[in-house]
Amino acid sequence: MASGKAEDGDKASADSWRLIGPATELSKKQCRLMYSSLGCASDLCLFHIRGEFYAMEARCAHSGGPLCEGDIEEADGVLQVFCPWHDYDFDIRTGKSQTGLQVRDTEGSTSFK
């Protein structure tokens, strides 16, 4: 599995892709922290749930809590991760929270293949 940043909606160039590991290995954990070479503000949580991969910012938009350590639950068809510090919820698919906060999800900016 590789990740990269797409620019202007085009396919990412080969030098912007980074190998993060085989999907078979990455799928062994429901959530894992992916460290970024750009610093901790760019780290991602990589989720693997029911055969699908999702990624979002690794830190809660409220106080920076580690989302990879949060509980993952599904309610009414919405997969959510709960910040372990203050229990803020974030939709794993969109990054939106019922509290009005939002973390950056990867739609349109990071691709996985």
C-alpha atoms as a PDB file:
ATOM      1  CA  MET A   1       0.000   0.000   0.000  1.00  0.00           C
ATOM      2  CA  ALA A   2       1.279   3.448  -0.836  1.00  0.00           C
ATOM      3  CA  SER A   3       0.121   6.928  -0.002  1.00  0.00           C
ATOM      4  CA  GLY A   4       0.714  10.190  -1.785  1.00  0.00           C
ATOM      5  CA  LYS A   5      -0.619  13.673  -2.188  1.00  0.00           C
ATOM      6  CA  ALA A   6      -2.537  14.337  -5.390  1.00  0.00           C
ATOM      7  CA  GLU A   7      -2.138  17.789  -6.837  1.00  0.00           C
ATOM      8  CA  ASP A   8      -4.915  19.584  -8.719  1.00  0.00           C
ATOM      9  CA  GLY A   9      -6.928  16.380  -8.983  1.00  0.00           C
ATOM     10  CA  ASP A  10      -4.286  14.690 -11.152  1.00  0.00           C
ATOM     11  CA  LYS A  11      -2.544  11.456 -10.331  1.00  0.00           C
ATOM     12  CA  ALA A  12       0.280  11.995  -7.881  1.00  0.00           C
ATOM     13  CA  SER A  13       3.730  11.874  -9.388  1.00  0.00           C
ATOM     14  CA  ALA A  14       5.896   8.885  -8.541  1.00  0.00           C
ATOM     15  CA  ASP A  15       8.166  10.906  -6.224  1.00  0.00           C
ATOM     16  CA  SER A  16       5.244  11.994  -4.003  1.00  0.00           C
ATOM     17  CA  TRP A  17       4.261   8.419  -3.142  1.00  0.00           C
ATOM     18  CA  ARG A  18       5.541   6.698  -0.045  1.00  0.00           C
ATOM     19  CA  LEU A  19       5.332   2.970   0.547  1.00  0.00           C
ATOM     20  CA  ILE A  20       3.721   2.372   3.937  1.00  0.00           C
ATOM     21  CA  GLY A  21       3.501  -1.407   3.793  1.00  0.00           C
ATOM     22  CA  PRO A  22       1.576  -4.263   2.268  1.00  0.00           C
ATOM     23  CA  ALA A  23      -2.204  -4.056   2.653  1.00  0.00           C
ATOM     24  CA  THR A  24      -2.197  -7.576   4.126  1.00  0.00           C
ATOM     25  CA  GLU A  25       0.033  -6.371   6.974  1.00  0.00           C
ATOM     26  CA  LEU A  26      -1.700  -3.010   7.453  1.00  0.00           C
ATOM     27  CA  SER A  27      -5.085  -4.727   7.683  1.00  0.00           C
ATOM     28  CA  LYS A  28      -4.051  -6.675  10.795  1.00  0.00           C
ATOM     29  CA  LYS A  29      -4.819  -3.712  13.075  1.00  0.00           C
ATOM     30  CA  GLN A  30      -8.088  -1.804  13.192  1.00  0.00           C
ATOM     31  CA  CYS A  31      -6.225   1.474  13.701  1.00  0.00           C
ATOM     32  CA  ARG A  32      -2.574   2.432  13.467  1.00  0.00           C
ATOM     33  CA  LEU A  33      -0.672   5.687  13.719  1.00  0.00           C
ATOM     34  CA  MET A  34       1.182   6.607  10.534  1.00  0.00           C
ATOM     35  CA  TYR A  35       4.035   9.016  11.266  1.00  0.00           C
ATOM     36  CA  SER A  36       4.690  11.765   8.750  1.00  0.00           C
ATOM     37  CA  SER A  37       8.127  13.038   7.793  1.00  0.00           C
ATOM     38  CA  LEU A  38       6.522  16.516   7.868  1.00  0.00           C
ATOM     39  CA  GLY A  39       6.071  16.366  11.654  1.00  0.00           C
ATOM     40  CA  CYS A  40       3.431  15.281  14.148  1.00  0.00           C
ATOM     41  CA  ALA A  41       0.864  17.793  12.855  1.00  0.00           C
ATOM     42  CA  SER A  42       0.758  15.733   9.638  1.00  0.00           C
ATOM     43  CA  ASP A  43       0.506  12.277  11.235  1.00  0.00           C
ATOM     44  CA  LEU A  44      -2.491  10.157  10.228  1.00  0.00           C
ATOM     45  CA  CYS A  45      -4.624   7.445  11.760  1.00  0.00           C
ATOM     46  CA  LEU A  46      -5.041   4.601   9.297  1.00  0.00           C
ATOM     47  CA  PHE A  47      -8.203   2.625  10.003  1.00  0.00           C
ATOM     48  CA  HIS A  48      -9.032  -0.789   8.570  1.00  0.00           C
ATOM     49  CA  ILE A  49     -12.676  -1.670   9.186  1.00  0.00           C
ATOM     50  CA  ARG A  50     -14.680  -4.357   7.373  1.00  0.00           C
ATOM     51  CA  GLY A  51     -12.143  -4.639   4.576  1.00  0.00           C
ATOM     52  CA  GLU A  52     -11.953  -0.882   3.891  1.00  0.00           C
ATOM     53  CA  PHE A  53      -9.165   1.588   4.657  1.00  0.00           C
ATOM     54  CA  TYR A  54      -9.857   5.105   5.960  1.00  0.00           C
ATOM     55  CA  ALA A  55      -7.444   7.806   7.080  1.00  0.00           C
ATOM     56  CA  MET A  56      -7.774  11.044   9.020  1.00  0.00           C
ATOM     57  CA  GLU A  57      -5.675  13.394  11.085  1.00  0.00           C
ATOM     58  CA  ALA A  58      -4.181  11.646  14.095  1.00  0.00           C
ATOM     59  CA  ARG A  59      -5.027  14.401  16.585  1.00  0.00           C
ATOM     60  CA  CYS A  60      -8.399  15.592  17.885  1.00  0.00           C
ATOM     61  CA  ALA A  61      -9.364  19.066  16.671  1.00  0.00           C
ATOM     62  CA  HIS A  62     -10.417  19.976  20.237  1.00  0.00           C
ATOM     63  CA  SER A  63      -7.254  19.499  22.314  1.00  0.00           C
ATOM     64  CA  GLY A  64      -4.959  17.297  20.249  1.00  0.00           C
ATOM     65  CA  GLY A  65      -5.893  13.966  21.816  1.00  0.00           C
ATOM     66  CA  PRO A  66      -4.567  10.814  20.106  1.00  0.00           C
ATOM     67  CA  LEU A  67      -7.466   9.529  17.987  1.00  0.00           C
ATOM     68  CA  CYS A  68      -5.675   6.240  17.298  1.00  0.00           C
ATOM     69  CA  GLU A  69      -6.126   5.421  20.975  1.00  0.00           C
ATOM     70  CA  GLY A  70      -9.861   6.169  20.920  1.00  0.00           C
ATOM     71  CA  ASP A  71     -12.779   3.767  20.903  1.00  0.00           C
ATOM     72  CA  ILE A  72     -14.296   2.907  17.521  1.00  0.00           C
ATOM     73  CA  GLU A  73     -18.062   2.396  17.392  1.00  0.00           C
ATOM     74  CA  GLU A  74     -20.830   2.237  14.817  1.00  0.00           C
ATOM     75  CA  ALA A  75     -24.197   3.850  15.449  1.00  0.00           C
ATOM     76  CA  ASP A  76     -26.943   4.196  12.834  1.00  0.00           C
ATOM     77  CA  GLY A  77     -24.491   3.201  10.095  1.00  0.00           C
ATOM     78  CA  VAL A  78     -21.905   5.832  11.082  1.00  0.00           C
ATOM     79  CA  LEU A  79     -18.417   4.632  11.986  1.00  0.00           C
ATOM     80  CA  GLN A  80     -16.974   6.901  14.662  1.00  0.00           C
ATOM     81  CA  VAL A  81     -13.777   7.219  16.650  1.00  0.00           C
ATOM     82  CA  PHE A  82     -13.992   8.852  20.076  1.00  0.00           C
ATOM     83  CA  CYS A  83     -11.155  10.971  21.422  1.00  0.00           C
ATOM     84  CA  PRO A  84      -9.821   9.282  24.574  1.00  0.00           C
ATOM     85  CA  TRP A  85      -9.268  12.636  26.321  1.00  0.00           C
ATOM     86  CA  HIS A  86     -12.691  14.340  26.142  1.00  0.00           C
ATOM     87  CA  ASP A  87     -14.877  11.838  24.243  1.00  0.00           C
ATOM     88  CA  TYR A  88     -15.374  13.992  21.148  1.00  0.00           C
ATOM     89  CA  ASP A  89     -16.664  11.892  18.249  1.00  0.00           C
ATOM     90  CA  PHE A  90     -15.434  11.925  14.638  1.00  0.00           C
ATOM     91  CA  ASP A  91     -16.977  10.158  11.655  1.00  0.00           C
ATOM     92  CA  ILE A  92     -14.206   7.938  10.292  1.00  0.00           C
ATOM     93  CA  ARG A  93     -15.453   8.396   6.721  1.00  0.00           C
ATOM     94  CA  THR A  94     -15.799  12.216   6.740  1.00  0.00           C
ATOM     95  CA  GLY A  95     -13.878  13.549   9.753  1.00  0.00           C
ATOM     96  CA  LYS A  96     -16.975  15.451  10.931  1.00  0.00           C
ATOM     97  CA  SER A  97     -18.129  15.504  14.527  1.00  0.00           C
ATOM     98  CA  GLN A  98     -21.587  15.881  16.014  1.00  0.00           C
ATOM     99  CA  THR A  99     -19.986  18.557  18.215  1.00  0.00           C
ATOM    100  CA  GLY A 100     -19.283  20.765  15.186  1.00  0.00           C
ATOM    101  CA  LEU A 101     -15.538  20.099  15.194  1.00  0.00           C
ATOM    102  CA  GLN A 102     -13.909  18.526  12.173  1.00  0.00           C
ATOM    103  CA  VAL A 103     -10.604  16.813  11.510  1.00  0.00           C
ATOM    104  CA  ARG A 104      -9.176  16.611   8.040  1.00  0.00           C
ATOM    105  CA  ASP A 105     -10.059  13.377   6.335  1.00  0.00           C
ATOM    106  CA  THR A 106      -8.119  12.262   3.305  1.00  0.00           C
ATOM    107  CA  GLU A 107     -10.774  12.745   0.645  1.00  0.00           C
ATOM    108  CA  GLY A 108      -9.207  14.609  -2.237  1.00  0.00           C
ATOM    109  CA  SER A 109      -5.782  15.043  -0.669  1.00  0.00           C
ATOM    110  CA  THR A 110      -4.271  11.645   0.051  1.00  0.00           C
ATOM    111  CA  SER A 111      -4.795   8.511  -1.978  1.00  0.00           C
ATOM    112  CA  PHE A 112      -4.282   4.896  -1.116  1.00  0.00           C
ATOM    113  CA  LYS A 113      -3.789   2.158  -3.664  1.00  0.00           C
END
